[in-house]
Amino acid sequence: MSDEGTRAKLGRIVLWVFTIVFGFLMLLAGANKFMQPDAWVERFQSWGYPGGFAYVIGALEVGGAIGVFVPRFAMYAGGLVATIMCGAAVTLIMNPGTLGPPTIPLMNVIAFTAIAYARRGERRRLGFRGESRTS
């Protein structure tokens, strides 16, 4: 195998490890909103959001976390999670001391934007541009 082929394979491995780590952590964060619903409903209400919004955000986080594991949807799922994390960062900036600094949501914005960017070509290779998939 050439150096270029080895580098490409290593790059794919690093991308998958990165995706697994951040996807799993986001899956846990989203699932936590269903495992501790009273605490999250109360937090969302203290931030000025409807309490039920915690369930919507939790479901979107879980869906986005699962979506980054599917190369065909990873670009969109990464963009979804990055957008949610932007909202989380803004919420924590506007409500200091309620949950912690916005550092973790901002790290997630960077991570999921990187995943979305790295997976941007997957949708094209898998037939998302309207081209026929005949063999």
Protein backbone atom coordinates (compact mmCIF):
# COMPACT_ATOMS: atom_id res chain seq x y z
CA MET A 1 0.00 0.00 0.00
CA SER A 2 1.29 3.44 -0.86
CA ASP A 3 1.95 6.18 1.67
CA GLU A 4 -1.07 8.04 0.34
CA GLY A 5 -3.29 4.98 0.79
CA THR A 6 -1.97 4.43 4.30
CA ARG A 7 -2.62 8.06 5.19
CA ALA A 8 -6.17 7.85 3.81
CA LYS A 9 -6.85 4.69 5.81
CA LEU A 10 -5.42 6.27 8.97
CA GLY A 11 -7.57 9.34 8.36
CA ARG A 12 -10.70 7.17 8.11
CA ILE A 13 -9.77 5.37 11.33
CA VAL A 14 -9.20 8.67 13.17
CA LEU A 15 -12.53 10.01 11.86
CA TRP A 16 -14.36 6.91 13.09
CA VAL A 17 -12.71 7.04 16.53
CA PHE A 18 -13.56 10.75 16.79
CA THR A 19 -17.15 10.03 15.67
CA ILE A 20 -17.56 7.14 18.12
CA VAL A 21 -16.28 9.15 21.10
CA PHE A 22 -18.32 12.30 20.45
CA GLY A 23 -21.37 10.41 19.18
CA PHE A 24 -21.46 8.22 22.28
CA LEU A 25 -21.05 11.19 24.63
CA MET A 26 -23.88 13.05 22.84
CA LEU A 27 -26.04 9.95 23.00
CA LEU A 28 -25.53 9.87 26.77
CA ALA A 29 -26.28 13.60 27.10
CA GLY A 30 -29.51 13.25 25.13
CA ALA A 31 -30.58 10.09 26.94
CA ASN A 32 -29.92 11.80 30.28
CA LYS A 33 -32.78 14.18 29.56
CA PHE A 34 -35.10 11.15 29.63
CA MET A 35 -33.41 9.43 32.59
CA GLN A 36 -33.62 12.54 34.80
CA PRO A 37 -36.63 14.33 33.32
CA ASP A 38 -37.64 16.32 36.41
CA ALA A 39 -34.21 17.91 36.76
CA TRP A 40 -34.03 18.80 33.07
CA VAL A 41 -37.58 20.16 32.87
CA GLU A 42 -36.77 22.37 35.86
CA ARG A 43 -33.51 23.57 34.26
CA PHE A 44 -35.18 24.39 30.97
CA GLN A 45 -37.91 26.33 32.78
CA SER A 46 -35.31 28.25 34.82
CA TRP A 47 -33.68 29.25 31.52
CA GLY A 48 -37.00 30.58 30.21
CA TYR A 49 -37.91 27.65 27.92
CA PRO A 50 -41.02 25.47 28.17
CA GLY A 51 -40.29 22.39 30.29
CA GLY A 52 -41.30 20.01 27.50
CA PHE A 53 -38.55 21.48 25.35
CA ALA A 54 -36.11 19.30 27.32
CA TYR A 55 -37.68 16.22 25.71
CA VAL A 56 -37.47 17.74 22.22
CA ILE A 57 -33.80 18.63 22.67
CA GLY A 58 -33.07 15.21 24.20
CA ALA A 59 -34.70 13.45 21.25
CA LEU A 60 -32.81 15.61 18.73
CA GLU A 61 -29.52 14.96 20.54
CA VAL A 62 -30.14 11.19 20.54
CA GLY A 63 -31.21 11.25 16.89
CA GLY A 64 -28.21 13.35 15.88
CA ALA A 65 -25.85 11.13 17.86
CA ILE A 66 -27.17 8.03 16.12
CA GLY A 67 -27.13 9.81 12.75
CA VAL A 68 -23.40 10.56 12.86
CA PHE A 69 -22.76 6.79 12.81
CA VAL A 70 -24.49 6.47 9.43
CA PRO A 71 -22.12 7.94 6.81
CA ARG A 72 -25.00 8.82 4.48
CA PHE A 73 -26.60 11.03 7.14
CA ALA A 74 -23.54 12.04 9.19
CA MET A 75 -23.16 15.45 7.56
CA TYR A 76 -26.73 16.42 8.39
CA ALA A 77 -26.69 14.84 11.85
CA GLY A 78 -23.40 16.58 12.69
CA GLY A 79 -24.87 19.89 11.57
CA LEU A 80 -27.98 19.28 13.67
CA VAL A 81 -26.00 18.52 16.82
CA ALA A 82 -23.63 21.46 16.22
CA THR A 83 -26.66 23.76 15.92
CA ILE A 84 -28.20 22.41 19.14
CA MET A 85 -24.89 22.90 20.91
CA CYS A 86 -24.73 26.52 19.71
CA GLY A 87 -28.06 27.03 21.45
CA ALA A 88 -26.76 25.29 24.57
CA ALA A 89 -23.67 27.53 24.63
CA VAL A 90 -25.76 30.68 24.24
CA THR A 91 -28.11 29.49 26.99
CA LEU A 92 -25.20 28.91 29.37
CA ILE A 93 -23.64 32.27 28.50
CA MET A 94 -26.96 34.03 29.18
CA ASN A 95 -27.49 32.07 32.42
CA PRO A 96 -24.07 31.85 34.08
CA GLY A 97 -23.64 29.46 36.98
CA THR A 98 -26.77 27.42 36.29
CA LEU A 99 -25.09 24.34 34.81
CA GLY A 100 -21.50 25.21 34.07
CA PRO A 101 -19.41 27.14 31.59
CA PRO A 102 -20.24 26.98 27.88
CA THR A 103 -16.93 25.20 27.21
CA ILE A 104 -18.39 21.72 26.65
CA PRO A 105 -21.13 22.83 24.26
CA LEU A 106 -18.58 24.89 22.33
CA MET A 107 -16.24 21.87 22.09
CA ASN A 108 -19.19 19.89 20.75
CA VAL A 109 -19.90 22.60 18.16
CA ILE A 110 -16.34 22.25 16.89
CA ALA A 111 -16.37 18.43 17.01
CA PHE A 112 -19.70 17.93 15.25
CA THR A 113 -18.93 20.62 12.68
CA ALA A 114 -15.68 18.75 11.93
CA ILE A 115 -17.58 15.46 11.61
CA ALA A 116 -20.14 17.07 9.30
CA TYR A 117 -17.37 18.61 7.18
CA ALA A 118 -15.40 15.36 7.00
CA ARG A 119 -18.50 13.42 5.96
CA ARG A 120 -19.75 15.98 3.43
CA GLY A 121 -18.80 13.81 0.45
CA GLU A 122 -20.57 10.69 1.75
CA ARG A 123 -24.01 11.83 0.64
CA ARG A 124 -22.78 12.36 -2.92
CA ARG A 125 -21.06 8.96 -3.14
CA LEU A 126 -24.19 7.27 -1.85
CA GLY A 127 -26.63 8.78 -4.34
CA PHE A 128 -28.05 11.86 -2.64
CA ARG A 129 -27.77 14.18 -5.64
CA GLY A 130 -30.60 12.67 -7.62
CA GLU A 131 -28.44 10.46 -9.80
CA SER A 132 -29.73 6.97 -10.46
CA ARG A 133 -28.21 4.09 -8.56
CA THR A 134 -28.41 1.44 -11.24
CA SER A 135 -25.73 -1.21 -11.38
